[in-house]
Structure formats: structure tokens, C-alpha cells
PDB file of N, CA and C in Angstrom:
ATOM      1  N   UNK A   1      90.458  88.545  87.721  1.00  0.00           N
ATOM      2  CA  UNK A   1      90.907  89.655  88.549  1.00  0.00           C
ATOM      3  C   UNK A   1      89.835  89.966  89.576  1.00  0.00           C
ATOM      4  N   UNK A   2      90.257  90.281  90.783  1.00  0.00           N
ATOM      5  CA  UNK A   2      89.316  90.658  91.827  1.00  0.00           C
ATOM      6  C   UNK A   2      89.786  91.939  92.507  1.00  0.00           C
ATOM      7  N   UNK A   3      88.958  92.448  93.414  1.00  0.00           N
ATOM      8  CA  UNK A   3      89.284  93.694  94.109  1.00  0.00           C
ATOM      9  C   UNK A   3      89.104  93.521  95.605  1.00  0.00           C
ATOM     10  N   UNK A   4      89.651  94.461  96.329  1.00  0.00           N
ATOM     11  CA  UNK A   4      89.554  94.468  97.784  1.00  0.00           C
ATOM     12  C   UNK A   4      89.158  95.877  98.206  1.00  0.00           C
ATOM     13  N   UNK A   5      88.149  95.990  99.046  1.00  0.00           N
ATOM     14  CA  UNK A   5      87.672  97.286  99.509  1.00  0.00           C
ATOM     15  C   UNK A   5      88.122  97.519 100.945  1.00  0.00           C
ATOM     16  N   UNK A   6      88.801  98.633 101.181  1.00  0.00           N
ATOM     17  CA  UNK A   6      89.230  99.025 102.516  1.00  0.00           C
ATOM     18  C   UNK A   6      88.358 100.200 102.950  1.00  0.00           C
ATOM     19  N   UNK A   7      87.902 100.181 104.198  1.00  0.00           N
ATOM     20  CA  UNK A   7      86.957 101.194 104.665  1.00  0.00           C
ATOM     21  C   UNK A   7      87.356 101.729 106.027  1.00  0.00           C
ATOM     22  N   UNK A   8      87.188 103.036 106.201  1.00  0.00           N
ATOM     23  CA  UNK A   8      87.225 103.636 107.532  1.00  0.00           C
ATOM     24  C   UNK A   8      85.777 103.982 107.841  1.00  0.00           C
ATOM     25  N   UNK A   9      85.287 103.483 108.960  1.00  0.00           N
ATOM     26  CA  UNK A   9      83.919 103.760 109.372  1.00  0.00           C
ATOM     27  C   UNK A   9      83.904 104.416 110.738  1.00  0.00           C
ATOM     28  N   UNK A  10      82.794 105.020 111.088  1.00  0.00           N
ATOM     29  CA  UNK A  10      82.683 105.625 112.413  1.00  0.00           C
ATOM     30  C   UNK A  10      82.017 104.653 113.384  1.00  0.00           C
ATOM     31  N   UNK A  11      81.833 105.089 114.612  1.00  0.00           N
ATOM     32  CA  UNK A  11      81.267 104.227 115.646  1.00  0.00           C
ATOM     33  C   UNK A  11      79.846 103.779 115.371  1.00  0.00           C
ATOM     34  N   UNK A  12      79.134 104.510 114.516  1.00  0.00           N
ATOM     35  CA  UNK A  12      77.765 104.145 114.172  1.00  0.00           C
ATOM     36  C   UNK A  12      77.717 103.180 112.992  1.00  0.00           C
ATOM     37  N   UNK A  13      78.884 102.851 112.427  1.00  0.00           N
ATOM     38  CA  UNK A  13      78.921 101.919 111.307  1.00  0.00           C
ATOM     39  C   UNK A  13      78.710 102.580 109.951  1.00  0.00           C
ATOM     40  N   UNK A  14      78.923 103.888 109.877  1.00  0.00           N
ATOM     41  CA  UNK A  14      78.794 104.598 108.601  1.00  0.00           C
ATOM     42  C   UNK A  14      80.171 104.745 107.956  1.00  0.00           C
ATOM     43  N   UNK A  15      80.263 104.555 106.643  1.00  0.00           N
ATOM     44  CA  UNK A  15      81.561 104.697 105.981  1.00  0.00           C
ATOM     45  C   UNK A  15      82.004 106.157 105.934  1.00  0.00           C
ATOM     46  N   UNK A  16      83.283 106.390 106.212  1.00  0.00           N
ATOM     47  CA  UNK A  16      83.847 107.725 106.132  1.00  0.00           C
ATOM     48  C   UNK A  16      84.788 107.859 104.947  1.00  0.00           C
ATOM     49  N   UNK A  17      85.522 106.792 104.668  1.00  0.00           N
ATOM     50  CA  UNK A  17      86.466 106.822 103.548  1.00  0.00           C
ATOM     51  C   UNK A  17      86.609 105.411 102.992  1.00  0.00           C
ATOM     52  N   UNK A  18      86.667 105.299 101.680  1.00  0.00           N
ATOM     53  CA  UNK A  18      86.796 104.019 101.000  1.00  0.00           C
ATOM     54  C   UNK A  18      88.042 104.030 100.130  1.00  0.00           C
ATOM     55  N   UNK A  19      88.641 102.865  99.991  1.00  0.00           N
ATOM     56  CA  UNK A  19      89.789 102.713  99.097  1.00  0.00           C
ATOM     57  C   UNK A  19      89.680 101.354  98.424  1.00  0.00           C
ATOM     58  N   UNK A  20      89.653 101.357  97.105  1.00  0.00           N
ATOM     59  CA  UNK A  20      89.552 100.130  96.336  1.00  0.00           C
ATOM     60  C   UNK A  20      90.938  99.743  95.841  1.00  0.00           C
ATOM     61  N   UNK A  21      91.271  98.472  96.020  1.00  0.00           N
ATOM     62  CA  UNK A  21      92.602  97.966  95.703  1.00  0.00           C
ATOM     63  C   UNK A  21      92.484  96.708  94.851  1.00  0.00           C
ATOM     64  N   UNK A  22      93.536  96.363  94.146  1.00  0.00           N
ATOM     65  CA  UNK A  22      93.601  95.091  93.428  1.00  0.00           C
ATOM     66  C   UNK A  22      93.583  93.977  94.479  1.00  0.00           C
ATOM     67  N   UNK A  23      92.846  92.927  94.229  1.00  0.00           N
ATOM     68  CA  UNK A  23      92.651  91.867  95.205  1.00  0.00           C
ATOM     69  C   UNK A  23      93.918  91.171  95.669  1.00  0.00           C
ATOM     70  N   UNK A  24      94.925  91.136  94.825  1.00  0.00           N
ATOM     71  CA  UNK A  24      96.160  90.446  95.186  1.00  0.00           C
ATOM     72  C   UNK A  24      97.086  91.320  96.039  1.00  0.00           C
ATOM     73  N   UNK A  25      96.729  92.566  96.255  1.00  0.00           N
ATOM     74  CA  UNK A  25      97.558  93.480  97.045  1.00  0.00           C
ATOM     75  C   UNK A  25      97.386  93.184  98.527  1.00  0.00           C
ATOM     76  N   UNK A  26      98.445  93.357  99.269  1.00  0.00           N
ATOM     77  CA  UNK A  26      98.425  93.125 100.708  1.00  0.00           C
ATOM     78  C   UNK A  26      97.466  94.079 101.416  1.00  0.00           C
ATOM     79  N   UNK A  27      96.847  93.615 102.505  1.00  0.00           N
ATOM     80  CA  UNK A  27      95.979  94.466 103.324  1.00  0.00           C
ATOM     81  C   UNK A  27      96.754  95.654 103.889  1.00  0.00           C
ATOM     82  N   UNK A  28      98.028  95.456 104.126  1.00  0.00           N
ATOM     83  CA  UNK A  28      98.855  96.533 104.682  1.00  0.00           C
ATOM     84  C   UNK A  28      98.862  97.751 103.774  1.00  0.00           C
ATOM     85  N   UNK A  29      98.977  97.518 102.468  1.00  0.00           N
ATOM     86  CA  UNK A  29      99.061  98.638 101.518  1.00  0.00           C
ATOM     87  C   UNK A  29      97.763  99.421 101.476  1.00  0.00           C
ATOM     88  N   UNK A  30      96.641  98.736 101.539  1.00  0.00           N
ATOM     89  CA  UNK A  30      95.352  99.432 101.581  1.00  0.00           C
ATOM     90  C   UNK A  30      95.200 100.250 102.845  1.00  0.00           C
ATOM     91  N   UNK A  31      95.655  99.701 103.959  1.00  0.00           N
ATOM     92  CA  UNK A  31      95.570 100.420 105.229  1.00  0.00           C
ATOM     93  C   UNK A  31      96.482 101.641 105.228  1.00  0.00           C
ATOM     94  N   UNK A  32      97.657 101.504 104.641  1.00  0.00           N
ATOM     95  CA  UNK A  32      98.605 102.625 104.617  1.00  0.00           C
ATOM     96  C   UNK A  32      98.041 103.834 103.887  1.00  0.00           C
ATOM     97  N   UNK A  33      97.202 103.601 102.892  1.00  0.00           N
ATOM     98  CA  UNK A  33      96.588 104.707 102.155  1.00  0.00           C
ATOM     99  C   UNK A  33      95.595 105.453 103.039  1.00  0.00           C
ATOM    100  N   UNK A  34      94.855 104.717 103.865  1.00  0.00           N
ATOM    101  CA  UNK A  34      93.798 105.317 104.678  1.00  0.00           C
ATOM    102  C   UNK A  34      94.278 105.894 106.009  1.00  0.00           C
ATOM    103  N   UNK A  35      95.357 105.374 106.554  1.00  0.00           N
ATOM    104  CA  UNK A  35      95.791 105.778 107.899  1.00  0.00           C
ATOM    105  C   UNK A  35      96.079 107.265 108.081  1.00  0.00           C
ATOM    106  N   UNK A  36      96.674 107.954 107.124  1.00  0.00           N
ATOM    107  CA  UNK A  36      96.936 109.379 107.346  1.00  0.00           C
ATOM    108  C   UNK A  36      95.663 110.221 107.528  1.00  0.00           C
ATOM    109  N   UNK A  37      94.525 109.723 107.059  1.00  0.00           N
ATOM    110  CA  UNK A  37      93.268 110.483 107.125  1.00  0.00           C
ATOM    111  C   UNK A  37      92.312 109.988 108.202  1.00  0.00           C
ATOM    112  N   UNK A  38      92.826 109.313 109.214  1.00  0.00           N
ATOM    113  CA  UNK A  38      91.937 108.836 110.268  1.00  0.00           C
ATOM    114  C   UNK A  38      91.279 110.023 110.973  1.00  0.00           C
ATOM    115  N   UNK A  39      89.979 109.917 111.225  1.00  0.00           N
ATOM    116  CA  UNK A  39      89.321 110.988 111.983  1.00  0.00           C
ATOM    117  C   UNK A  39      89.727 110.908 113.458  1.00  0.00           C
ATOM    118  N   UNK A  40      89.430 111.952 114.199  1.00  0.00           N
ATOM    119  CA  UNK A  40      89.706 111.928 115.636  1.00  0.00           C
ATOM    120  C   UNK A  40      88.927 110.763 116.247  1.00  0.00           C
ATOM    121  N   UNK A  41      89.625 109.910 116.940  1.00  0.00           N
ATOM    122  CA  UNK A  41      88.990 108.727 117.521  1.00  0.00           C
ATOM    123  C   UNK A  41      89.757 108.299 118.760  1.00  0.00           C
ATOM    124  N   UNK A  42      89.112 107.492 119.565  1.00  0.00           N
ATOM    125  CA  UNK A  42      89.761 106.947 120.753  1.00  0.00           C
ATOM    126  C   UNK A  42      90.400 105.607 120.439  1.00  0.00           C
ATOM    127  N   UNK A  43      89.712 104.801 119.604  1.00  0.00           N
ATOM    128  CA  UNK A  43      90.170 103.443 119.303  1.00  0.00           C
ATOM    129  C   UNK A  43      89.988 103.151 117.818  1.00  0.00           C
ATOM    130  N   UNK A  44      90.953 102.426 117.248  1.00  0.00           N
ATOM    131  CA  UNK A  44      90.828 101.893 115.894  1.00  0.00           C
ATOM    132  C   UNK A  44      90.665 100.386 116.026  1.00  0.00           C
ATOM    133  N   UNK A  45      89.574  99.866 115.505  1.00  0.00           N
ATOM    134  CA  UNK A  45      89.337  98.419 115.525  1.00  0.00           C
ATOM    135  C   UNK A  45      89.596  97.887 114.120  1.00  0.00           C
ATOM    136  N   UNK A  46      90.510  96.939 114.024  1.00  0.00           N
ATOM    137  CA  UNK A  46      90.845  96.350 112.720  1.00  0.00           C
ATOM    138  C   UNK A  46      91.047  94.848 112.895  1.00  0.00           C
ATOM    139  N   UNK A  47      90.929  94.111 111.790  1.00  0.00           N
ATOM    140  CA  UNK A  47      91.141  92.663 111.893  1.00  0.00           C
ATOM    141  C   UNK A  47      92.625  92.341 111.811  1.00  0.00           C
ATOM    142  N   UNK A  48      92.954  91.072 112.007  1.00  0.00           N
ATOM    143  CA  UNK A  48      94.370  90.695 112.076  1.00  0.00           C
ATOM    144  C   UNK A  48      95.094  90.881 110.754  1.00  0.00           C
ATOM    145  N   UNK A  49      94.369  91.095 109.672  1.00  0.00           N
ATOM    146  CA  UNK A  49      94.998  91.383 108.391  1.00  0.00           C
ATOM    147  C   UNK A  49      95.756  92.709 108.410  1.00  0.00           C
ATOM    148  N   UNK A  50      95.429  93.586 109.349  1.00  0.00           N
ATOM    149  CA  UNK A  50      96.117  94.867 109.485  1.00  0.00           C
ATOM    150  C   UNK A  50      97.121  94.871 110.636  1.00  0.00           C
ATOM    151  N   UNK A  51      97.462  93.711 111.148  1.00  0.00           N
ATOM    152  CA  UNK A  51      98.427  93.626 112.256  1.00  0.00           C
ATOM    153  C   UNK A  51      99.851  93.735 111.727  1.00  0.00           C
ATOM    154  N   UNK A  52     100.387  94.935 111.786  1.00  0.00           N
ATOM    155  CA  UNK A  52     101.798  95.143 111.469  1.00  0.00           C
ATOM    156  C   UNK A  52     102.323  96.223 112.399  1.00  0.00           C
ATOM    157  N   UNK A  53     103.615  96.185 112.657  1.00  0.00           N
ATOM    158  CA  UNK A  53     104.218  97.189 113.536  1.00  0.00           C
ATOM    159  C   UNK A  53     104.062  98.591 112.941  1.00  0.00           C
ATOM    160  N   UNK A  54     104.169  98.698 111.629  1.00  0.00           N
ATOM    161  CA  UNK A  54     104.060  99.997 110.966  1.00  0.00           C
ATOM    162  C   UNK A  54     102.646 100.580 111.141  1.00  0.00           C
ATOM    163  N   UNK A  55     101.641  99.769 110.972  1.00  0.00           N
ATOM    164  CA  UNK A  55     100.261 100.233 111.140  1.00  0.00           C
ATOM    165  C   UNK A  55     100.015 100.606 112.596  1.00  0.00           C
ATOM    166  N   UNK A  56     100.449  99.758 113.516  1.00  0.00           N
ATOM    167  CA  UNK A  56     100.257 100.064 114.939  1.00  0.00           C
ATOM    168  C   UNK A  56     100.945 101.378 115.319  1.00  0.00           C
ATOM    169  N   UNK A  57     102.148 101.615 114.806  1.00  0.00           N
ATOM    170  CA  UNK A  57     102.870 102.844 115.128  1.00  0.00           C
ATOM    171  C   UNK A  57     102.147 104.055 114.552  1.00  0.00           C
ATOM    172  N   UNK A  58     101.682 103.941 113.321  1.00  0.00           N
ATOM    173  CA  UNK A  58     100.957 105.047 112.693  1.00  0.00           C
ATOM    174  C   UNK A  58      99.716 105.426 113.496  1.00  0.00           C
ATOM    175  N   UNK A  59      99.011 104.425 113.996  1.00  0.00           N
ATOM    176  CA  UNK A  59      97.799 104.669 114.783  1.00  0.00           C
ATOM    177  C   UNK A  59      98.149 105.309 116.128  1.00  0.00           C
ATOM    178  N   UNK A  60      99.120 104.752 116.822  1.00  0.00           N
ATOM    179  CA  UNK A  60      99.475 105.304 118.136  1.00  0.00           C
ATOM    180  C   UNK A  60     100.111 106.687 118.013  1.00  0.00           C
ATOM    181  N   UNK A  61     100.782 106.985 116.904  1.00  0.00           N
ATOM    182  CA  UNK A  61     101.324 108.322 116.676  1.00  0.00           C
ATOM    183  C   UNK A  61     100.208 109.362 116.574  1.00  0.00           C
ATOM    184  N   UNK A  62      99.009 108.910 116.216  1.00  0.00           N
ATOM    185  CA  UNK A  62      97.851 109.807 116.133  1.00  0.00           C
ATOM    186  C   UNK A  62      97.044 109.793 117.442  1.00  0.00           C
ATOM    187  N   UNK A  63      97.646 109.235 118.494  1.00  0.00           N
ATOM    188  CA  UNK A  63      97.014 109.145 119.818  1.00  0.00           C
ATOM    189  C   UNK A  63      95.711 108.354 119.781  1.00  0.00           C
ATOM    190  N   UNK A  64      95.722 107.284 118.999  1.00  0.00           N
ATOM    191  CA  UNK A  64      94.577 106.387 118.900  1.00  0.00           C
ATOM    192  C   UNK A  64      95.029 105.006 119.359  1.00  0.00           C
ATOM    193  N   UNK A  65      94.214 104.372 120.175  1.00  0.00           N
ATOM    194  CA  UNK A  65      94.532 103.017 120.650  1.00  0.00           C
ATOM    195  C   UNK A  65      94.215 102.013 119.546  1.00  0.00           C
ATOM    196  N   UNK A  66      95.117 101.088 119.296  1.00  0.00           N
ATOM    197  CA  UNK A  66      94.909 100.058 118.277  1.00  0.00           C
ATOM    198  C   UNK A  66      94.308  98.812 118.921  1.00  0.00           C
ATOM    199  N   UNK A  67      93.160  98.412 118.462  1.00  0.00           N
ATOM    200  CA  UNK A  67      92.519  97.173 118.917  1.00  0.00           C
ATOM    201  C   UNK A  67      92.557  96.206 117.730  1.00  0.00           C
ATOM    202  N   UNK A  68      93.694  95.505 117.622  1.00  0.00           N
ATOM    203  CA  UNK A  68      93.941  94.611 116.492  1.00  0.00           C
ATOM    204  C   UNK A  68      94.473  93.285 117.034  1.00  0.00           C
ATOM    205  N   UNK A  69      93.807  92.185 116.756  1.00  0.00           N
ATOM    206  CA  UNK A  69      94.355  90.890 117.181  1.00  0.00           C
ATOM    207  C   UNK A  69      95.680  90.620 116.469  1.00  0.00           C
ATOM    208  N   UNK A  70      96.549  89.906 117.126  1.00  0.00           N
ATOM    209  CA  UNK A  70      97.845  89.559 116.534  1.00  0.00           C
ATOM    210  C   UNK A  70      97.689  88.530 115.424  1.00  0.00           C
ATOM    211  N   UNK A  71      98.527  88.657 114.403  1.00  0.00           N
ATOM    212  CA  UNK A  71      98.579  87.622 113.369  1.00  0.00           C
ATOM    213  C   UNK A  71      98.954  86.297 114.025  1.00  0.00           C
ATOM    214  N   UNK A  72      98.541  85.233 113.438  1.00  0.00           N
ATOM    215  CA  UNK A  72      98.871  83.918 113.997  1.00  0.00           C
ATOM    216  C   UNK A  72     100.362  83.644 113.926  1.00  0.00           C
ATOM    217  N   UNK A  73     101.058  84.293 113.001  1.00  0.00           N
ATOM    218  CA  UNK A  73     102.493  84.062 112.845  1.00  0.00           C
ATOM    219  C   UNK A  73     103.350  84.978 113.724  1.00  0.00           C
ATOM    220  N   UNK A  74     102.724  85.916 114.430  1.00  0.00           N
ATOM    221  CA  UNK A  74     103.496  86.822 115.295  1.00  0.00           C
ATOM    222  C   UNK A  74     104.046  86.022 116.468  1.00  0.00           C
ATOM    223  N   UNK A  75     105.355  86.116 116.681  1.00  0.00           N
ATOM    224  CA  UNK A  75     105.985  85.326 117.738  1.00  0.00           C
ATOM    225  C   UNK A  75     105.547  85.773 119.126  1.00  0.00           C
ATOM    226  N   UNK A  76     105.517  87.088 119.350  1.00  0.00           N
ATOM    227  CA  UNK A  76     105.071  87.597 120.646  1.00  0.00           C
ATOM    228  C   UNK A  76     103.727  88.287 120.438  1.00  0.00           C
ATOM    229  N   UNK A  77     102.673  87.660 120.943  1.00  0.00           N
ATOM    230  CA  UNK A  77     101.320  88.171 120.758  1.00  0.00           C
ATOM    231  C   UNK A  77     101.145  89.516 121.474  1.00  0.00           C
ATOM    232  N   UNK A  78     100.377  90.401 120.856  1.00  0.00           N
ATOM    233  CA  UNK A  78     100.075  91.699 121.440  1.00  0.00           C
ATOM    234  C   UNK A  78      98.657  91.643 121.988  1.00  0.00           C
ATOM    235  N   UNK A  79      98.493  92.035 123.225  1.00  0.00           N
ATOM    236  CA  UNK A  79      97.177  91.983 123.852  1.00  0.00           C
ATOM    237  C   UNK A  79      96.250  93.039 123.254  1.00  0.00           C
ATOM    238  N   UNK A  80      94.975  92.724 123.220  1.00  0.00           N
ATOM    239  CA  UNK A  80      93.947  93.661 122.769  1.00  0.00           C
ATOM    240  C   UNK A  80      92.690  93.407 123.579  1.00  0.00           C
ATOM    241  N   UNK A  81      91.787  94.385 123.607  1.00  0.00           N
ATOM    242  CA  UNK A  81      90.550  94.258 124.376  1.00  0.00           C
ATOM    243  C   UNK A  81      89.508  93.519 123.538  1.00  0.00           C
ATOM    244  N   UNK A  82      89.201  92.295 123.931  1.00  0.00           N
ATOM    245  CA  UNK A  82      88.238  91.495 123.175  1.00  0.00           C
ATOM    246  C   UNK A  82      86.855  92.137 123.193  1.00  0.00           C
ATOM    247  N   UNK A  83      86.497  92.767 124.313  1.00  0.00           N
ATOM    248  CA  UNK A  83      85.186  93.431 124.408  1.00  0.00           C
ATOM    249  C   UNK A  83      85.055  94.532 123.365  1.00  0.00           C
ATOM    250  N   UNK A  84      86.109  95.319 123.223  1.00  0.00           N
ATOM    251  CA  UNK A  84      86.104  96.382 122.217  1.00  0.00           C
ATOM    252  C   UNK A  84      86.088  95.781 120.822  1.00  0.00           C
ATOM    253  N   UNK A  85      86.864  94.733 120.609  1.00  0.00           N
ATOM    254  CA  UNK A  85      86.968  94.112 119.290  1.00  0.00           C
ATOM    255  C   UNK A  85      85.620  93.571 118.816  1.00  0.00           C
ATOM    256  N   UNK A  86      84.772  93.161 119.732  1.00  0.00           N
ATOM    257  CA  UNK A  86      83.460  92.638 119.355  1.00  0.00           C
ATOM    258  C   UNK A  86      82.618  93.681 118.632  1.00  0.00           C
ATOM    259  N   UNK A  87      82.932  94.955 118.801  1.00  0.00           N
ATOM    260  CA  UNK A  87      82.183  96.018 118.117  1.00  0.00           C
ATOM    261  C   UNK A  87      82.535  96.085 116.629  1.00  0.00           C
ATOM    262  N   UNK A  88      83.491  95.296 116.218  1.00  0.00           N
ATOM    263  CA  UNK A  88      83.892  95.260 114.822  1.00  0.00           C
ATOM    264  C   UNK A  88      82.758  94.770 113.922  1.00  0.00           C
ATOM    265  N   UNK A  89      81.742  94.162 114.508  1.00  0.00           N
ATOM    266  CA  UNK A  89      80.605  93.711 113.708  1.00  0.00           C
ATOM    267  C   UNK A  89      79.950  94.873 112.959  1.00  0.00           C
ATOM    268  N   UNK A  90      80.125  96.091 113.466  1.00  0.00           N
ATOM    269  CA  UNK A  90      79.554  97.253 112.777  1.00  0.00           C
ATOM    270  C   UNK A  90      80.203  97.435 111.404  1.00  0.00           C
ATOM    271  N   UNK A  91      81.469  97.085 111.313  1.00  0.00           N
ATOM    272  CA  UNK A  91      82.153  97.164 110.023  1.00  0.00           C
ATOM    273  C   UNK A  91      81.582  96.108 109.082  1.00  0.00           C
ATOM    274  N   UNK A  92      81.406  94.911 109.588  1.00  0.00           N
ATOM    275  CA  UNK A  92      80.833  93.847 108.765  1.00  0.00           C
ATOM    276  C   UNK A  92      79.421  94.225 108.318  1.00  0.00           C
ATOM    277  N   UNK A  93      78.643  94.854 109.200  1.00  0.00           N
ATOM    278  CA  UNK A  93      77.297  95.295 108.837  1.00  0.00           C
ATOM    279  C   UNK A  93      77.349  96.364 107.755  1.00  0.00           C
ATOM    280  N   UNK A  94      78.362  97.220 107.818  1.00  0.00           N
ATOM    281  CA  UNK A  94      78.543  98.261 106.805  1.00  0.00           C
ATOM    282  C   UNK A  94      78.678  97.610 105.432  1.00  0.00           C
ATOM    283  N   UNK A  95      79.468  96.562 105.327  1.00  0.00           N
ATOM    284  CA  UNK A  95      79.636  95.870 104.052  1.00  0.00           C
ATOM    285  C   UNK A  95      78.342  95.186 103.633  1.00  0.00           C
ATOM    286  N   UNK A  96      77.603  94.643 104.570  1.00  0.00           N
ATOM    287  CA  UNK A  96      76.348  93.974 104.248  1.00  0.00           C
ATOM    288  C   UNK A  96      75.346  94.983 103.682  1.00  0.00           C
ATOM    289  N   UNK A  97      75.318  96.197 104.243  1.00  0.00           N
ATOM    290  CA  UNK A  97      74.421  97.239 103.733  1.00  0.00           C
ATOM    291  C   UNK A  97      74.836  97.663 102.334  1.00  0.00           C
ATOM    292  N   UNK A  98      76.116  97.765 102.103  1.00  0.00           N
ATOM    293  CA  UNK A  98      76.619  98.206 100.791  1.00  0.00           C
ATOM    294  C   UNK A  98      76.261  97.208  99.713  1.00  0.00           C
ATOM    295  N   UNK A  99      76.243  95.935 100.036  1.00  0.00           N
ATOM    296  CA  UNK A  99      75.935  94.904  99.060  1.00  0.00           C
ATOM    297  C   UNK A  99      74.458  94.963  98.671  1.00  0.00           C
ATOM    298  N   UNK A 100      73.604  95.299  99.621  1.00  0.00           N
ATOM    299  CA  UNK A 100      72.162  95.351  99.345  1.00  0.00           C
ATOM    300  C   UNK A 100      71.785  96.553  98.496  1.00  0.00           C
ATOM    301  N   UNK A 101      72.555  97.605  98.532  1.00  0.00           N
ATOM    302  CA  UNK A 101      72.205  98.836  97.815  1.00  0.00           C
ATOM    303  C   UNK A 101      72.390  98.720  96.348  1.00  0.00           C
TER     304      UNK A 101
END
């Protein structure tokens, strides 16, 4: 058995909310738990594992821009700002810090 950790972090790369899930659960379900509690933000940066119409709608309903690359299986790709997406490394750094602690 394994687990999957879902995190909402701020622009400085600090964790704001964590959700632990069973590893076999879809990324969508973990995101759905965290989305209602998003802090005030201009942009949400997420990986393609969170690319779903439901997640995108939830984010835009909160007046937040979604910066999420399209899944490879999506027939019509959705554009995103690659420059903004590059800041996602802060999330990866957050996980690297958590592992060292």
C-alpha cells in the first residue's frame, strides 16, 4: 500500500494545506478535497494530473486563473502560460524540504 500527498502552497513555496490520500486514488479526488479552501490567489499552478474540466471550473469560479498543462489524452489542448508554469518548481522544492525534515 502506498499514499499520495496533495498540497496547496503559497507563492513562497510554503505549505498551506495538506491532504493525504490512498496511492491508488485519482489525483482528481485529492484536488477536489482541497479546492474549496483555496486562499485568495491570482493563479493556481498545477501539473497535468489535475487537468480536468471540473477542476478548471472550480478554480475559475473562485476568480483564479488555472495554469495547468493539458493531459496528453485531451483532444483539444488548453493553452497555459509556460513562464508561469515554470514557477511550479517551488512546489517540488516544498516536497524536497519535507523529506529532509
